[in-house]
Amino acid sequence: MKLHSLGEQLRAARIKKELSLYDVEKISGVEAQFLLAMEMDQLKALPEDIQQEALEKYATSVGLDGKRLFEEQR
């Protein structure tokens, strides 16, 4: 059984909470363009120095464990 990708997990959690990308942007402080990149499994498209913080903030804002998700991407 294939595990869901990072982007699929983030998007599913956001939708479950009935939040738009712009809602998450306001909650997390992470720009919507970066949120969208993460949902599209393009974490590496973000500047390297903000990848972990951005992922953790997004994940936390939708009820996921950002530290665990980041470690899974390494």
PDB file of N, CA and C in Angstrom:
ATOM      1  N   MET A   1       0.843  -1.187   0.000  1.00  0.00           N
ATOM      2  CA  MET A   1       0.000   0.000   0.000  1.00  0.00           C
ATOM      3  C   MET A   1       0.887   1.249   0.000  1.00  0.00           C
ATOM      4  N   LYS A   2       0.648   2.146  -0.896  1.00  0.00           N
ATOM      5  CA  LYS A   2       1.450   3.368  -1.010  1.00  0.00           C
ATOM      6  C   LYS A   2       0.973   4.419  -0.008  1.00  0.00           C
ATOM      7  N   LEU A   3       1.935   4.998   0.684  1.00  0.00           N
ATOM      8  CA  LEU A   3       1.603   6.080   1.602  1.00  0.00           C
ATOM      9  C   LEU A   3       1.300   7.337   0.801  1.00  0.00           C
ATOM     10  N   HIS A   4       0.501   8.194   1.358  1.00  0.00           N
ATOM     11  CA  HIS A   4       0.176   9.454   0.688  1.00  0.00           C
ATOM     12  C   HIS A   4       1.397  10.364   0.696  1.00  0.00           C
ATOM     13  N   SER A   5       1.565  11.116  -0.368  1.00  0.00           N
ATOM     14  CA  SER A   5       2.690  12.045  -0.457  1.00  0.00           C
ATOM     15  C   SER A   5       2.503  13.190   0.539  1.00  0.00           C
ATOM     16  N   LEU A   6       3.569  13.933   0.740  1.00  0.00           N
ATOM     17  CA  LEU A   6       3.522  15.103   1.618  1.00  0.00           C
ATOM     18  C   LEU A   6       2.409  16.048   1.176  1.00  0.00           C
ATOM     19  N   GLY A   7       2.391  16.369  -0.096  1.00  0.00           N
ATOM     20  CA  GLY A   7       1.384  17.288  -0.616  1.00  0.00           C
ATOM     21  C   GLY A   7      -0.033  16.790  -0.417  1.00  0.00           C
ATOM     22  N   GLU A   8      -0.236  15.495  -0.646  1.00  0.00           N
ATOM     23  CA  GLU A   8      -1.573  14.915  -0.460  1.00  0.00           C
ATOM     24  C   GLU A   8      -2.000  15.008   1.003  1.00  0.00           C
ATOM     25  N   GLN A   9      -1.074  14.749   1.911  1.00  0.00           N
ATOM     26  CA  GLN A   9      -1.395  14.822   3.339  1.00  0.00           C
ATOM     27  C   GLN A   9      -1.759  16.247   3.755  1.00  0.00           C
ATOM     28  N   LEU A  10      -0.964  17.211   3.306  1.00  0.00           N
ATOM     29  CA  LEU A  10      -1.230  18.606   3.658  1.00  0.00           C
ATOM     30  C   LEU A  10      -2.567  19.073   3.094  1.00  0.00           C
ATOM     31  N   ARG A  11      -2.798  18.789   1.831  1.00  0.00           N
ATOM     32  CA  ARG A  11      -4.037  19.232   1.182  1.00  0.00           C
ATOM     33  C   ARG A  11      -5.257  18.580   1.834  1.00  0.00           C
ATOM     34  N   ALA A  12      -5.182  17.276   2.095  1.00  0.00           N
ATOM     35  CA  ALA A  12      -6.305  16.569   2.718  1.00  0.00           C
ATOM     36  C   ALA A  12      -6.619  17.151   4.096  1.00  0.00           C
ATOM     37  N   ALA A  13      -5.584  17.440   4.876  1.00  0.00           N
ATOM     38  CA  ALA A  13      -5.797  18.010   6.210  1.00  0.00           C
ATOM     39  C   ALA A  13      -6.404  19.407   6.110  1.00  0.00           C
ATOM     40  N   ARG A  14      -5.945  20.192   5.145  1.00  0.00           N
ATOM     41  CA  ARG A  14      -6.482  21.551   4.956  1.00  0.00           C
ATOM     42  C   ARG A  14      -7.954  21.497   4.564  1.00  0.00           C
ATOM     43  N   ILE A  15      -8.276  20.620   3.627  1.00  0.00           N
ATOM     44  CA  ILE A  15      -9.660  20.499   3.166  1.00  0.00           C
ATOM     45  C   ILE A  15     -10.562  19.979   4.281  1.00  0.00           C
ATOM     46  N   LYS A  16     -10.049  19.030   5.063  1.00  0.00           N
ATOM     47  CA  LYS A  16     -10.832  18.488   6.182  1.00  0.00           C
ATOM     48  C   LYS A  16     -11.212  19.596   7.162  1.00  0.00           C
ATOM     49  N   LYS A  17     -10.333  20.558   7.335  1.00  0.00           N
ATOM     50  CA  LYS A  17     -10.605  21.688   8.232  1.00  0.00           C
ATOM     51  C   LYS A  17     -11.356  22.823   7.523  1.00  0.00           C
ATOM     52  N   GLU A  18     -11.684  22.602   6.240  1.00  0.00           N
ATOM     53  CA  GLU A  18     -12.419  23.577   5.439  1.00  0.00           C
ATOM     54  C   GLU A  18     -11.694  24.922   5.363  1.00  0.00           C
ATOM     55  N   LEU A  19     -10.387  24.854   5.121  1.00  0.00           N
ATOM     56  CA  LEU A  19      -9.567  26.056   5.008  1.00  0.00           C
ATOM     57  C   LEU A  19      -9.096  26.238   3.571  1.00  0.00           C
ATOM     58  N   SER A  20      -9.042  27.472   3.125  1.00  0.00           N
ATOM     59  CA  SER A  20      -8.444  27.774   1.821  1.00  0.00           C
ATOM     60  C   SER A  20      -6.944  27.976   2.030  1.00  0.00           C
ATOM     61  N   LEU A  21      -6.202  28.033   0.927  1.00  0.00           N
ATOM     62  CA  LEU A  21      -4.773  28.338   1.042  1.00  0.00           C
ATOM     63  C   LEU A  21      -4.579  29.703   1.701  1.00  0.00           C
ATOM     64  N   TYR A  22      -5.457  30.635   1.403  1.00  0.00           N
ATOM     65  CA  TYR A  22      -5.334  31.976   1.975  1.00  0.00           C
ATOM     66  C   TYR A  22      -5.645  31.981   3.468  1.00  0.00           C
ATOM     67  N   ASP A  23      -6.558  31.105   3.907  1.00  0.00           N
ATOM     68  CA  ASP A  23      -6.805  30.957   5.344  1.00  0.00           C
ATOM     69  C   ASP A  23      -5.538  30.465   6.039  1.00  0.00           C
ATOM     70  N   VAL A  24      -4.914  29.446   5.450  1.00  0.00           N
ATOM     71  CA  VAL A  24      -3.697  28.879   6.038  1.00  0.00           C
ATOM     72  C   VAL A  24      -2.571  29.907   6.005  1.00  0.00           C
ATOM     73  N   GLU A  25      -2.517  30.718   4.959  1.00  0.00           N
ATOM     74  CA  GLU A  25      -1.509  31.778   4.879  1.00  0.00           C
ATOM     75  C   GLU A  25      -1.649  32.721   6.076  1.00  0.00           C
ATOM     76  N   LYS A  26      -2.880  33.108   6.386  1.00  0.00           N
ATOM     77  CA  LYS A  26      -3.124  34.014   7.515  1.00  0.00           C
ATOM     78  C   LYS A  26      -2.768  33.353   8.845  1.00  0.00           C
ATOM     79  N   ILE A  27      -3.122  32.087   8.992  1.00  0.00           N
ATOM     80  CA  ILE A  27      -2.875  31.357  10.238  1.00  0.00           C
ATOM     81  C   ILE A  27      -1.391  31.089  10.451  1.00  0.00           C
ATOM     82  N   SER A  28      -0.734  30.630   9.402  1.00  0.00           N
ATOM     83  CA  SER A  28       0.650  30.159   9.525  1.00  0.00           C
ATOM     84  C   SER A  28       1.703  31.235   9.291  1.00  0.00           C
ATOM     85  N   GLY A  29       1.339  32.275   8.544  1.00  0.00           N
ATOM     86  CA  GLY A  29       2.320  33.283   8.182  1.00  0.00           C
ATOM     87  C   GLY A  29       3.199  32.877   7.011  1.00  0.00           C
ATOM     88  N   VAL A  30       2.856  31.758   6.367  1.00  0.00           N
ATOM     89  CA  VAL A  30       3.609  31.269   5.206  1.00  0.00           C
ATOM     90  C   VAL A  30       2.869  31.714   3.945  1.00  0.00           C
ATOM     91  N   GLU A  31       3.602  32.275   2.981  1.00  0.00           N
ATOM     92  CA  GLU A  31       2.980  32.770   1.754  1.00  0.00           C
ATOM     93  C   GLU A  31       2.240  31.659   1.010  1.00  0.00           C
ATOM     94  N   ALA A  32       1.085  32.009   0.435  1.00  0.00           N
ATOM     95  CA  ALA A  32       0.254  31.037  -0.279  1.00  0.00           C
ATOM     96  C   ALA A  32       1.020  30.334  -1.394  1.00  0.00           C
ATOM     97  N   GLN A  33       1.917  31.041  -2.073  1.00  0.00           N
ATOM     98  CA  GLN A  33       2.681  30.400  -3.155  1.00  0.00           C
ATOM     99  C   GLN A  33       3.544  29.259  -2.616  1.00  0.00           C
ATOM    100  N   PHE A  34       4.058  29.399  -1.393  1.00  0.00           N
ATOM    101  CA  PHE A  34       4.859  28.339  -0.794  1.00  0.00           C
ATOM    102  C   PHE A  34       3.966  27.193  -0.324  1.00  0.00           C
ATOM    103  N   LEU A  35       2.789  27.539   0.197  1.00  0.00           N
ATOM    104  CA  LEU A  35       1.836  26.507   0.614  1.00  0.00           C
ATOM    105  C   LEU A  35       1.451  25.646  -0.585  1.00  0.00           C
ATOM    106  N   LEU A  36       1.161  26.303  -1.701  1.00  0.00           N
ATOM    107  CA  LEU A  36       0.787  25.587  -2.918  1.00  0.00           C
ATOM    108  C   LEU A  36       1.935  24.703  -3.397  1.00  0.00           C
ATOM    109  N   ALA A  37       3.149  25.216  -3.348  1.00  0.00           N
ATOM    110  CA  ALA A  37       4.312  24.415  -3.758  1.00  0.00           C
ATOM    111  C   ALA A  37       4.413  23.148  -2.910  1.00  0.00           C
ATOM    112  N   MET A  38       4.188  23.276  -1.609  1.00  0.00           N
ATOM    113  CA  MET A  38       4.245  22.093  -0.737  1.00  0.00           C
ATOM    114  C   MET A  38       3.141  21.106  -1.085  1.00  0.00           C
ATOM    115  N   GLU A  39       1.942  21.609  -1.374  1.00  0.00           N
ATOM    116  CA  GLU A  39       0.841  20.722  -1.758  1.00  0.00           C
ATOM    117  C   GLU A  39       1.129  20.011  -3.075  1.00  0.00           C
ATOM    118  N   MET A  40       1.983  20.601  -3.890  1.00  0.00           N
ATOM    119  CA  MET A  40       2.334  19.998  -5.177  1.00  0.00           C
ATOM    120  C   MET A  40       3.624  19.171  -5.063  1.00  0.00           C
ATOM    121  N   ASP A  41       3.994  18.842  -3.823  1.00  0.00           N
ATOM    122  CA  ASP A  41       5.193  18.035  -3.550  1.00  0.00           C
ATOM    123  C   ASP A  41       6.462  18.693  -4.066  1.00  0.00           C
ATOM    124  N   GLN A  42       6.503  20.010  -3.974  1.00  0.00           N
ATOM    125  CA  GLN A  42       7.667  20.770  -4.431  1.00  0.00           C
ATOM    126  C   GLN A  42       8.329  21.511  -3.265  1.00  0.00           C
ATOM    127  N   LEU A  43       8.489  20.828  -2.142  1.00  0.00           N
ATOM    128  CA  LEU A  43       9.114  21.456  -0.976  1.00  0.00           C
ATOM    129  C   LEU A  43      10.477  22.034  -1.329  1.00  0.00           C
ATOM    130  N   LYS A  44      11.215  21.347  -2.164  1.00  0.00           N
ATOM    131  CA  LYS A  44      12.568  21.793  -2.531  1.00  0.00           C
ATOM    132  C   LYS A  44      12.546  23.076  -3.374  1.00  0.00           C
ATOM    133  N   ALA A  45      11.370  23.481  -3.857  1.00  0.00           N
ATOM    134  CA  ALA A  45      11.256  24.735  -4.605  1.00  0.00           C
ATOM    135  C   ALA A  45      11.318  25.948  -3.673  1.00  0.00           C
ATOM    136  N   LEU A  46      11.073  25.722  -2.380  1.00  0.00           N
ATOM    137  CA  LEU A  46      11.172  26.802  -1.408  1.00  0.00           C
ATOM    138  C   LEU A  46      12.640  27.069  -1.107  1.00  0.00           C
ATOM    139  N   PRO A  47      12.965  28.301  -0.727  1.00  0.00           N
ATOM    140  CA  PRO A  47      14.346  28.566  -0.317  1.00  0.00           C
ATOM    141  C   PRO A  47      14.748  27.586   0.793  1.00  0.00           C
ATOM    142  N   GLU A  48      15.933  27.023   0.676  1.00  0.00           N
ATOM    143  CA  GLU A  48      16.365  25.974   1.600  1.00  0.00           C
ATOM    144  C   GLU A  48      16.296  26.401   3.065  1.00  0.00           C
ATOM    145  N   ASP A  49      16.604  27.660   3.332  1.00  0.00           N
ATOM    146  CA  ASP A  49      16.641  28.123   4.720  1.00  0.00           C
ATOM    147  C   ASP A  49      15.263  28.271   5.364  1.00  0.00           C
ATOM    148  N   ILE A  50      14.187  28.157   4.601  1.00  0.00           N
ATOM    149  CA  ILE A  50      12.847  28.252   5.199  1.00  0.00           C
ATOM    150  C   ILE A  50      12.029  26.973   5.043  1.00  0.00           C
ATOM    151  N   GLN A  51      12.558  25.963   4.390  1.00  0.00           N
ATOM    152  CA  GLN A  51      11.779  24.750   4.116  1.00  0.00           C
ATOM    153  C   GLN A  51      11.209  24.126   5.382  1.00  0.00           C
ATOM    154  N   GLN A  52      12.054  23.871   6.368  1.00  0.00           N
ATOM    155  CA  GLN A  52      11.581  23.200   7.573  1.00  0.00           C
ATOM    156  C   GLN A  52      10.569  24.051   8.325  1.00  0.00           C
ATOM    157  N   GLU A  53      10.880  25.315   8.532  1.00  0.00           N
ATOM    158  CA  GLU A  53       9.972  26.192   9.274  1.00  0.00           C
ATOM    159  C   GLU A  53       8.626  26.331   8.561  1.00  0.00           C
ATOM    160  N   ALA A  54       8.658  26.510   7.248  1.00  0.00           N
ATOM    161  CA  ALA A  54       7.417  26.666   6.486  1.00  0.00           C
ATOM    162  C   ALA A  54       6.566  25.404   6.565  1.00  0.00           C
ATOM    163  N   LEU A  55       7.204  24.246   6.412  1.00  0.00           N
ATOM    164  CA  LEU A  55       6.460  22.991   6.485  1.00  0.00           C
ATOM    165  C   LEU A  55       5.867  22.798   7.870  1.00  0.00           C
ATOM    166  N   GLU A  56       6.653  23.054   8.906  1.00  0.00           N
ATOM    167  CA  GLU A  56       6.150  22.879  10.268  1.00  0.00           C
ATOM    168  C   GLU A  56       4.992  23.825  10.562  1.00  0.00           C
ATOM    169  N   LYS A  57       5.079  25.064  10.102  1.00  0.00           N
ATOM    170  CA  LYS A  57       3.986  26.022  10.326  1.00  0.00           C
ATOM    171  C   LYS A  57       2.727  25.600   9.578  1.00  0.00           C
ATOM    172  N   TYR A  58       2.891  25.170   8.333  1.00  0.00           N
ATOM    173  CA  TYR A  58       1.725  24.719   7.558  1.00  0.00           C
ATOM    174  C   TYR A  58       1.104  23.508   8.237  1.00  0.00           C
ATOM    175  N   ALA A  59       1.919  22.519   8.530  1.00  0.00           N
ATOM    176  CA  ALA A  59       1.411  21.287   9.130  1.00  0.00           C
ATOM    177  C   ALA A  59       0.684  21.569  10.443  1.00  0.00           C
ATOM    178  N   THR A  60       1.285  22.361  11.301  1.00  0.00           N
ATOM    179  CA  THR A  60       0.673  22.686  12.587  1.00  0.00           C
ATOM    180  C   THR A  60      -0.669  23.380  12.401  1.00  0.00           C
ATOM    181  N   SER A  61      -0.759  24.253  11.414  1.00  0.00           N
ATOM    182  CA  SER A  61      -2.001  25.002  11.203  1.00  0.00           C
ATOM    183  C   SER A  61      -3.147  24.122  10.718  1.00  0.00           C
ATOM    184  N   VAL A  62      -2.835  22.930  10.203  1.00  0.00           N
ATOM    185  CA  VAL A  62      -3.893  22.013   9.760  1.00  0.00           C
ATOM    186  C   VAL A  62      -3.946  20.748  10.620  1.00  0.00           C
ATOM    187  N   GLY A  63      -3.260  20.770  11.767  1.00  0.00           N
ATOM    188  CA  GLY A  63      -3.359  19.672  12.723  1.00  0.00           C
ATOM    189  C   GLY A  63      -2.442  18.489  12.482  1.00  0.00           C
ATOM    190  N   LEU A  64      -1.364  18.686  11.729  1.00  0.00           N
ATOM    191  CA  LEU A  64      -0.413  17.603  11.474  1.00  0.00           C
ATOM    192  C   LEU A  64       0.894  17.860  12.222  1.00  0.00           C
ATOM    193  N   ASP A  65       1.716  16.829  12.325  1.00  0.00           N
ATOM    194  CA  ASP A  65       3.018  16.906  12.989  1.00  0.00           C
ATOM    195  C   ASP A  65       4.077  17.320  11.968  1.00  0.00           C
ATOM    196  N   GLY A  66       4.408  18.584  11.953  1.00  0.00           N
ATOM    197  CA  GLY A  66       5.346  19.119  10.974  1.00  0.00           C
ATOM    198  C   GLY A  66       6.747  18.561  11.094  1.00  0.00           C
ATOM    199  N   LYS A  67       7.207  18.334  12.315  1.00  0.00           N
ATOM    200  CA  LYS A  67       8.558  17.789  12.505  1.00  0.00           C
ATOM    201  C   LYS A  67       8.659  16.401  11.883  1.00  0.00           C
ATOM    202  N   ARG A  68       7.637  15.580  12.115  1.00  0.00           N
ATOM    203  CA  ARG A  68       7.632  14.225  11.558  1.00  0.00           C
ATOM    204  C   ARG A  68       7.586  14.276  10.034  1.00  0.00           C
ATOM    205  N   LEU A  69       6.730  15.119   9.492  1.00  0.00           N
ATOM    206  CA  LEU A  69       6.621  15.232   8.039  1.00  0.00           C
ATOM    207  C   LEU A  69       7.937  15.683   7.416  1.00  0.00           C
ATOM    208  N   PHE A  70       8.613  16.636   8.065  1.00  0.00           N
ATOM    209  CA  PHE A  70       9.883  17.114   7.522  1.00  0.00           C
ATOM    210  C   PHE A  70      10.925  15.998   7.544  1.00  0.00           C
ATOM    211  N   GLU A  71      10.987  15.264   8.640  1.00  0.00           N
ATOM    212  CA  GLU A  71      11.961  14.169   8.738  1.00  0.00           C
ATOM    213  C   GLU A  71      11.700  13.112   7.666  1.00  0.00           C
ATOM    214  N   GLU A  72      10.443  12.868   7.349  1.00  0.00           N
ATOM    215  CA  GLU A  72      10.098  11.882   6.320  1.00  0.00           C
ATOM    216  C   GLU A  72      10.561  12.327   4.936  1.00  0.00           C
ATOM    217  N   GLN A  73      10.774  13.622   4.744  1.00  0.00           N
ATOM    218  CA  GLN A  73      11.196  14.142   3.441  1.00  0.00           C
ATOM    219  C   GLN A  73      12.707  14.089   3.245  1.00  0.00           C
ATOM    220  N   ARG A  74      13.433  13.847   4.309  1.00  0.00           N
ATOM    221  CA  ARG A  74      14.905  13.849   4.234  1.00  0.00           C
ATOM    222  C   ARG A  74      15.419  12.600   3.586  1.00  0.00           C
TER     223      ARG A  74
END
